[in-house]
Amino acid sequence: MTTALNDDHHEHDEMLTIEEAAALLRVPVATMRYWRYTGDGPFSFKVQRHVRYWRTDLILWRSEQGRRPDPVEPQH
């Protein structure tokens, strides 16, 4: 018998597909796949063969992107 952990902070969160996550972030699904491949995107996980995202993780990741400083381009 398995038991659920009591410290699951996603207990009341919504699990989204890659298509739903892309729609929430307003980016193409291909961008979500690329971010997943490079490790630059929001946290994702697999449920069997299916990639999923927690809605709150997407919202937090999106807000963090607005706080990142722009990279400084080298002067020529």
Protein backbone atom coordinates (compact mmCIF):
# COMPACT_ATOMS: atom_id res chain seq x y z
CA MET A 1 0.00 0.00 0.00
CA THR A 2 1.26 3.50 -0.81
CA THR A 3 0.48 6.63 1.12
CA ALA A 4 0.55 10.24 -0.04
CA LEU A 5 3.03 12.60 1.53
CA ASN A 6 1.51 15.22 3.81
CA ASP A 7 3.88 17.96 2.61
CA ASP A 8 2.57 18.06 -0.99
CA HIS A 9 2.38 21.81 -1.68
CA HIS A 10 0.46 21.11 -4.91
CA GLU A 11 -2.47 19.44 -3.19
CA HIS A 12 -4.94 22.06 -4.48
CA ASP A 13 -2.98 23.01 -7.60
CA GLU A 14 -3.99 22.31 -11.19
CA MET A 15 -1.87 20.01 -13.34
CA LEU A 16 -1.56 21.29 -16.93
CA THR A 17 -0.59 19.65 -20.20
CA ILE A 18 2.19 21.13 -22.31
CA GLU A 19 -0.45 22.66 -24.61
CA GLU A 20 -2.27 24.28 -21.68
CA ALA A 21 1.02 25.54 -20.23
CA ALA A 22 2.00 27.04 -23.59
CA ALA A 23 -1.36 28.79 -23.82
CA LEU A 24 -0.99 30.18 -20.29
CA LEU A 25 2.48 31.55 -21.09
CA ARG A 26 1.40 32.59 -24.61
CA VAL A 27 4.24 30.79 -26.34
CA PRO A 28 4.26 28.02 -28.96
CA VAL A 29 4.34 24.41 -27.76
CA ALA A 30 7.66 24.08 -29.61
CA THR A 31 9.10 26.77 -27.30
CA MET A 32 7.94 24.83 -24.25
CA ARG A 33 9.65 21.72 -25.62
CA TYR A 34 12.85 23.66 -26.32
CA TRP A 35 12.88 25.18 -22.82
CA ARG A 36 12.36 21.71 -21.37
CA TYR A 37 15.26 20.36 -23.46
CA THR A 38 17.64 23.18 -22.46
CA GLY A 39 16.45 23.33 -18.85
CA ASP A 40 15.69 27.07 -19.16
CA GLY A 41 11.92 26.86 -18.78
CA PRO A 42 9.54 26.30 -15.92
CA PHE A 43 9.62 23.13 -13.84
CA SER A 44 8.00 20.18 -15.59
CA PHE A 45 7.58 16.52 -14.77
CA LYS A 46 6.26 13.36 -16.31
CA VAL A 47 3.22 11.34 -15.40
CA GLN A 48 4.07 8.10 -17.15
CA ARG A 49 4.83 9.33 -20.73
CA HIS A 50 3.04 12.67 -20.41
CA VAL A 51 4.73 16.00 -19.60
CA ARG A 52 2.87 18.06 -17.00
CA TYR A 53 3.25 21.44 -15.31
CA TRP A 54 1.80 22.81 -12.08
CA ARG A 55 -0.12 26.05 -12.69
CA THR A 56 1.46 27.82 -9.70
CA ASP A 57 4.97 26.89 -10.91
CA LEU A 58 4.20 28.46 -14.31
CA ILE A 59 2.90 31.66 -12.72
CA LEU A 60 5.93 31.93 -10.41
CA TRP A 61 8.35 31.24 -13.27
CA ARG A 62 6.65 33.87 -15.44
CA SER A 63 6.88 36.50 -12.69
CA GLU A 64 10.57 35.68 -12.13
CA GLN A 65 11.28 36.31 -15.82
CA GLY A 66 10.10 39.89 -15.46
CA ARG A 67 12.60 40.46 -12.63
CA ARG A 68 15.67 39.13 -14.46
CA PRO A 69 18.09 41.82 -15.58
CA ASP A 70 18.66 42.15 -19.31
CA PRO A 71 22.01 40.75 -20.39
CA VAL A 72 24.52 43.47 -21.11
CA GLU A 73 25.73 43.47 -24.69
CA PRO A 74 29.47 43.96 -25.14
CA GLN A 75 30.59 47.39 -26.36
CA HIS A 76 32.36 47.52 -29.73
